[in-house]
């Protein structure tokens, strides 16, 4: 029998890495802190900032100078947060998102400095909301819950597992808020645009880790594995993109309409590419964030089809963000750019840790450093993930 060629072996290896699914079940014991950033990653960041190394020092300074890390911040909790379409009405929506991001920013500042004032301010913000909020209402409630619900557990994980001054009573109220106000709203997912469901699942995954809730983690991860192939296209999918169970997208015309009228599909195209890059960036950010949390919890989704879809999507969108000419076959030759500060997590995982060349994504990521916040749920990724080997 003839020996298989190196090319054949490579194809077989890639098939194993990027086609066959891997188990995404919750670990026997969750790793903490384990939502988006691990203890090893946080220790790396702290060391780099303390040493004055770049780009981490400038990223940290950017965060510290922002209103989100202010020690004089006054939280603005509401019992009912009402968020309508296009933020109309906006009753507590911006306040909630920004306070959640502030809690995360202050938690990061605490970890880097070990100045307890930052931890106490973060806890004060958490206490204000956990003692007040009861629900989200109106049409954007699921999205709002996903945005704020993604940031809260990041803050909680850092504080709970690095600051001994957070009381059991306060942690208990926070846990109850996460379960009753947030997890209950996001765990079922959504058949709206993909960025909605992806950020809802990001929130569900993060909250499940904080609560050590294996059943919810498994449910969210199963939905995530269905949603990612329905959000980012690969040529191996066939002539049309995949769809999620229960979506109702059962004809070619319906699928094309859902993909913003795009009928020609290419590797890395996202369901919202032809809508605009900003909303697409939201979706790619949540794919990266969930994959990062999964990796911390013991399952490396970057080495599966999730990672390949993310790699292709980052590369395609970075190419046009950098000014490449848009062919008429792509969104009629017209794109609405503005991907946002969303590339660091995925780029670091795929390039720094896995060694995959990503020229366009690298150029865009490095050009945009230090990446700040989109004021919704993405924040300080250069600080936490730039060239982070852990």
Foldseek 3Di string as FASTA:
>chain_A
DDDDDPVVVVVVLLCVQAPDDDDLFFDPAFAFPFFLFHPLLLVVLLVCCVVVHPPQVVLLVVLCPDPLQDLPDDQDAAQEAEAEPPPVPGRCLLSLLSLLSSLLSLLSVCSNPVPCSSNVSSLVSLQVHLVHYQEYDYDCRLQSLLLSLLRNLNSVRSCVPPPPPDDPVSLVSSLCCLVRHRLVSLLVADLAQLLSRLSSLSSQCSSCSSVVPRVSNSSSVVQVVQSLQQFFDACVCDQATHDHPPNPCDDLVSRCVQLVNQRGDHQQRGSCFLVALQSVLSNLLSLLSVQSSSVSSPDRCCSYNSVRNSLRNLLVLLCVVVPDFADCSPSNRDHHYDNAQRLQSSCLVCCLAVNDDRPSNVVVNVVCPPGADPSGRDGSSCSSGHSRHD
